[in-house]
């Protein structure tokens, strides 16, 4: 299955902090959307509202045009920023367990786990305890945990954080393959060259408000930046001023 994800007019406040104000965007099946903003801009809060970890004060999250429910969320592959896996559990056993929680039979879960460990080049760590892995390999296991449930939508909060170039390339290829299969992908990252390379759409958020929303080329045209036919102007040139730090604290 594939599904469209839509966020409509979401607002959220924490005491005297306005974390999100009228946030709206949509991701079609097969699209990759990059979510860009400084620390504290509201990226993690938005993702947590989509996943039902937090409730918005206003607005709604839609899947295929209807309000999202818990069954829909069970079909979202989610990689949170806090990386909440069990450090003392073996990688393969843990991934099978997580796939079963999403409703897969044990045999199907084992097949999916084997496939994604192979795809992400970490099958040699299937019997390793998670805490013994390097940061990059543990990150790939975390991505596998978001994929083994056969998701219709993929939401990844800073999936490339702390990775070496080889791991970045491997994970980028995997995300691109998922989109080509028809899955809607939303991911946040501070690595602007990856946003530029991978994304069909880019949403830029500052101080809890969407300040730009469009394709990389549309952002270039709106910014009236010079470019050549051969080499497009890097989006990092456009993002520089929009990503200025705000007073809002992230991870709220």
Protein backbone atom coordinates (compact mmCIF):
# COMPACT_ATOMS: atom_id res chain seq x y z
CA UNK A 1 0.00 0.00 0.00
CA UNK A 2 0.93 3.65 -0.40
CA UNK A 3 -0.50 6.68 1.35
CA UNK A 4 -0.50 10.47 1.24
CA UNK A 5 0.46 12.27 4.46
CA UNK A 6 -0.90 15.75 5.12
CA UNK A 7 -0.34 18.14 8.02
CA UNK A 8 -2.95 20.92 8.15
CA UNK A 9 -2.71 24.06 10.28
CA UNK A 10 -0.99 22.41 13.25
CA UNK A 11 -0.22 24.64 16.24
CA UNK A 12 1.35 23.70 19.57
CA UNK A 13 2.37 25.66 22.66
CA UNK A 14 4.24 24.66 25.82
CA UNK A 15 3.38 27.10 28.62
CA UNK A 16 4.63 30.43 27.24
CA UNK A 17 6.51 28.93 24.27
CA UNK A 18 4.75 28.82 20.92
CA UNK A 19 6.46 25.78 19.39
CA UNK A 20 4.38 25.51 16.20
CA UNK A 21 2.10 27.99 14.46
CA UNK A 22 -0.21 26.98 11.60
CA UNK A 23 2.17 24.36 10.15
CA UNK A 24 0.94 22.80 6.91
CA UNK A 25 2.48 20.57 4.23
CA UNK A 26 1.67 17.43 2.24
CA UNK A 27 3.71 14.49 0.95
CA UNK A 28 2.43 12.39 -1.93
CA UNK A 29 3.19 8.68 -2.30
CA UNK A 30 6.67 8.28 -3.77
CA UNK A 31 7.86 11.73 -2.73
CA UNK A 32 10.78 12.55 -0.44
CA UNK A 33 10.34 15.72 1.60
CA UNK A 34 13.23 17.31 3.47
CA UNK A 35 12.37 19.07 6.72
CA UNK A 36 14.93 21.79 7.38
CA UNK A 37 15.39 24.17 10.28
CA UNK A 38 17.71 25.26 13.04
CA UNK A 39 17.71 23.48 16.39
CA UNK A 40 14.50 24.49 18.15
CA UNK A 41 12.62 25.34 14.97
CA UNK A 42 9.88 22.74 15.54
CA UNK A 43 10.85 19.74 13.41
CA UNK A 44 10.81 17.13 16.17
CA UNK A 45 7.59 18.53 17.67
CA UNK A 46 5.87 18.25 14.29
CA UNK A 47 7.00 14.65 13.84
CA UNK A 48 5.87 13.72 17.35
CA UNK A 49 2.41 15.14 16.65
CA UNK A 50 2.18 13.13 13.43
CA UNK A 51 3.07 9.99 15.39
CA UNK A 52 0.64 10.76 18.24
CA UNK A 53 3.39 11.15 20.84
CA UNK A 54 2.14 14.71 21.33
CA UNK A 55 -1.26 16.25 20.67
CA UNK A 56 -1.50 19.46 18.68
CA UNK A 57 -3.49 22.36 20.09
CA UNK A 58 -5.10 22.99 16.70
CA UNK A 59 -5.09 21.51 13.22
CA UNK A 60 -5.06 17.91 12.06
CA UNK A 61 -2.96 15.16 10.50
CA UNK A 62 -4.53 13.37 7.52
CA UNK A 63 -3.75 10.11 5.73
CA UNK A 64 -5.30 9.86 2.28
CA UNK A 65 -7.58 12.78 3.13
CA UNK A 66 -9.00 11.45 6.42
CA UNK A 67 -7.94 12.01 10.03
CA UNK A 68 -5.07 9.75 11.05
CA UNK A 69 -5.81 6.93 13.50
CA UNK A 70 -3.75 4.42 15.46
CA UNK A 71 -3.99 1.81 12.71
CA UNK A 72 -2.53 4.35 10.26
CA UNK A 73 0.31 5.09 12.68
CA UNK A 74 1.03 1.38 12.84
CA UNK A 75 1.85 1.60 9.13
CA UNK A 76 4.33 4.47 9.57
CA UNK A 77 8.01 3.62 9.87
CA UNK A 78 9.34 6.07 12.47
CA UNK A 79 12.96 6.76 13.39
CA UNK A 80 12.90 9.15 16.36
CA UNK A 81 15.76 11.47 17.28
CA UNK A 82 16.17 9.79 20.68
CA UNK A 83 16.84 6.33 19.12
CA UNK A 84 14.78 4.30 21.58
CA UNK A 85 15.97 0.72 21.00
CA UNK A 86 17.11 -1.78 23.63
CA UNK A 87 20.91 -1.54 24.00
CA UNK A 88 21.36 -4.94 25.71
CA UNK A 89 19.27 -6.93 23.21
CA UNK A 90 20.65 -8.71 20.13
CA UNK A 91 20.06 -6.85 16.88
CA UNK A 92 18.23 -9.59 14.96
CA UNK A 93 16.01 -10.64 17.87
CA UNK A 94 15.08 -7.04 18.55
CA UNK A 95 14.13 -6.30 14.95
CA UNK A 96 12.02 -9.46 14.71
CA UNK A 97 10.25 -8.47 17.93
CA UNK A 98 9.52 -4.97 16.60
CA UNK A 99 8.20 -6.33 13.31
CA UNK A 100 5.89 -8.69 15.19
CA UNK A 101 4.57 -5.77 17.23
CA UNK A 102 3.46 -4.26 13.91
CA UNK A 103 1.46 -7.39 13.11
CA UNK A 104 3.84 -9.48 11.01
CA UNK A 105 3.99 -13.22 11.59
CA UNK A 106 7.26 -14.55 12.98
CA UNK A 107 8.26 -16.00 9.59
CA UNK A 108 7.43 -12.76 7.75
CA UNK A 109 9.25 -10.77 10.44
CA UNK A 110 12.36 -12.92 10.04
CA UNK A 111 12.26 -12.47 6.26
CA UNK A 112 11.95 -8.69 6.54
CA UNK A 113 14.75 -8.49 9.11
CA UNK A 114 17.09 -10.58 6.96
CA UNK A 115 16.27 -8.43 3.92
CA UNK A 116 16.96 -5.10 5.63
CA UNK A 117 20.07 -6.24 7.45
CA UNK A 118 21.40 -7.31 4.06
CA UNK A 119 20.24 -4.12 2.33
CA UNK A 120 21.92 -1.93 4.97
CA UNK A 121 25.13 -4.01 5.03
CA UNK A 122 24.82 -4.98 8.69
CA UNK A 123 23.78 -8.64 8.44
CA UNK A 124 27.03 -9.64 10.20
CA UNK A 125 25.71 -7.95 13.35
CA UNK A 126 22.45 -9.90 13.60
CA UNK A 127 23.66 -11.77 16.70
CA UNK A 128 25.49 -8.79 18.22
CA UNK A 129 24.20 -6.85 21.21
CA UNK A 130 23.18 -3.38 20.03
CA UNK A 131 25.35 -1.45 22.52
CA UNK A 132 28.51 -3.09 21.12
CA UNK A 133 27.99 -1.56 17.67
CA UNK A 134 29.58 1.63 16.40
CA UNK A 135 27.43 4.76 16.13
CA UNK A 136 27.05 4.33 12.38
CA UNK A 137 26.05 0.68 12.52
CA UNK A 138 23.65 1.31 15.40
CA UNK A 139 22.10 4.06 13.28
CA UNK A 140 21.58 1.62 10.43
CA UNK A 141 19.91 -0.81 12.82
CA UNK A 142 17.60 2.01 13.88
CA UNK A 143 16.69 2.64 10.25
CA UNK A 144 16.05 -1.09 9.80
CA UNK A 145 13.64 -0.93 12.74
CA UNK A 146 11.60 1.65 10.82
CA UNK A 147 11.54 -0.51 7.67
CA UNK A 148 10.86 -4.06 8.88
CA UNK A 149 7.15 -3.38 9.41
CA UNK A 150 6.60 -2.78 5.65
CA UNK A 151 5.51 0.83 6.18
CA UNK A 152 3.32 2.93 3.89
CA UNK A 153 4.94 6.17 5.15
CA UNK A 154 8.45 6.77 6.48
CA UNK A 155 9.34 9.50 9.01
CA UNK A 156 13.00 9.90 9.94
CA UNK A 157 14.27 12.45 12.47
CA UNK A 158 17.95 13.24 11.73
CA UNK A 159 18.72 9.80 10.24
CA UNK A 160 22.21 10.83 9.05
CA UNK A 161 23.44 12.26 12.35
CA UNK A 162 26.91 10.96 13.24
CA UNK A 163 27.34 8.79 10.15
CA UNK A 164 30.49 8.39 8.07
CA UNK A 165 30.28 9.03 4.28
CA UNK A 166 29.88 5.34 3.41
CA UNK A 167 26.99 4.91 5.83
CA UNK A 168 25.40 8.14 4.55
CA UNK A 169 25.58 6.87 0.97
CA UNK A 170 24.11 3.49 1.98
CA UNK A 171 21.21 5.03 3.89
CA UNK A 172 20.56 7.59 1.15
CA UNK A 173 20.26 4.81 -1.42
CA UNK A 174 17.85 2.93 0.83
CA UNK A 175 15.64 5.99 1.34
CA UNK A 176 15.58 6.65 -2.40
CA UNK A 177 14.58 3.03 -3.08
CA UNK A 178 11.74 3.28 -0.58
CA UNK A 179 10.40 6.37 -2.31
CA UNK A 180 10.64 4.69 -5.72
CA UNK A 181 8.49 1.87 -4.34
CA UNK A 182 5.73 4.43 -3.67
CA UNK A 183 6.34 5.28 -0.02
CA UNK A 184 6.01 8.90 1.16
CA UNK A 185 9.18 9.90 3.04
CA UNK A 186 9.69 12.80 5.46
CA UNK A 187 13.13 13.31 6.97
CA UNK A 188 14.90 16.09 8.81
CA UNK A 189 18.59 16.80 8.42
CA UNK A 190 21.19 19.51 8.87
CA UNK A 191 23.16 18.09 5.93
CA UNK A 192 21.87 20.43 3.25
CA UNK A 193 23.68 18.73 0.38
CA UNK A 194 21.66 15.57 1.11
CA UNK A 195 18.43 17.56 1.18
CA UNK A 196 19.36 19.05 -2.16
CA UNK A 197 20.29 15.70 -3.68
CA UNK A 198 17.51 13.47 -2.37
CA UNK A 199 14.38 15.56 -1.97
CA UNK A 200 11.49 16.25 -4.31
CA UNK A 201 10.19 18.87 -1.87
CA UNK A 202 11.71 20.94 0.90
CA UNK A 203 9.94 22.50 3.89
CA UNK A 204 11.89 25.13 5.81
CA UNK A 205 10.67 25.90 9.31
CA UNK A 206 11.82 28.77 11.52
CA UNK A 207 10.51 29.60 14.96
CA UNK A 208 7.66 27.11 14.57
CA UNK A 209 6.44 28.60 11.27
CA UNK A 210 6.85 27.34 7.72
CA UNK A 211 8.84 29.96 5.82
CA UNK A 212 9.41 28.08 2.55
CA UNK A 213 7.75 25.06 0.94
CA UNK A 214 8.51 23.76 -2.53
CA UNK A 215 10.85 21.83 -4.76
CA UNK A 216 14.58 22.64 -4.65
CA UNK A 217 14.24 24.36 -8.03
CA UNK A 218 11.25 26.41 -6.87
CA UNK A 219 13.22 27.56 -3.83
CA UNK A 220 16.07 28.66 -6.09
CA UNK A 221 13.70 30.59 -8.35
CA UNK A 222 11.94 32.28 -5.43
CA UNK A 223 15.29 33.33 -3.99
CA UNK A 224 16.35 34.77 -7.38
CA UNK A 225 19.79 33.20 -7.07
CA UNK A 226 22.08 32.95 -10.09
CA UNK A 227 22.84 29.48 -11.43
CA UNK A 228 24.28 27.74 -14.47
CA UNK A 229 22.60 25.06 -16.55
CA UNK A 230 25.33 22.58 -15.68
CA UNK A 231 25.57 23.12 -11.93
CA UNK A 232 22.53 24.31 -9.92
CA UNK A 233 23.15 26.75 -7.12
CA UNK A 234 23.45 24.77 -3.86
CA UNK A 235 20.40 25.15 -1.64
CA UNK A 236 22.75 25.79 1.28
CA UNK A 237 23.24 29.29 -0.16
CA UNK A 238 19.50 29.89 0.15
CA UNK A 239 19.10 28.23 3.56
CA UNK A 240 21.84 30.18 5.32
CA UNK A 241 19.72 33.11 6.52
CA UNK A 242 16.57 31.03 7.01
CA UNK A 243 18.35 28.66 9.39
CA UNK A 244 19.38 31.31 11.91
CA UNK A 245 18.99 30.10 15.53
CA UNK A 246 15.74 30.85 17.32
CA UNK A 247 14.89 31.12 20.99
CA UNK A 248 12.61 28.05 20.89
CA UNK A 249 14.20 24.95 22.43
CA UNK A 250 14.09 21.75 20.31
CA UNK A 251 12.97 18.37 21.65
CA UNK A 252 9.87 19.84 23.27
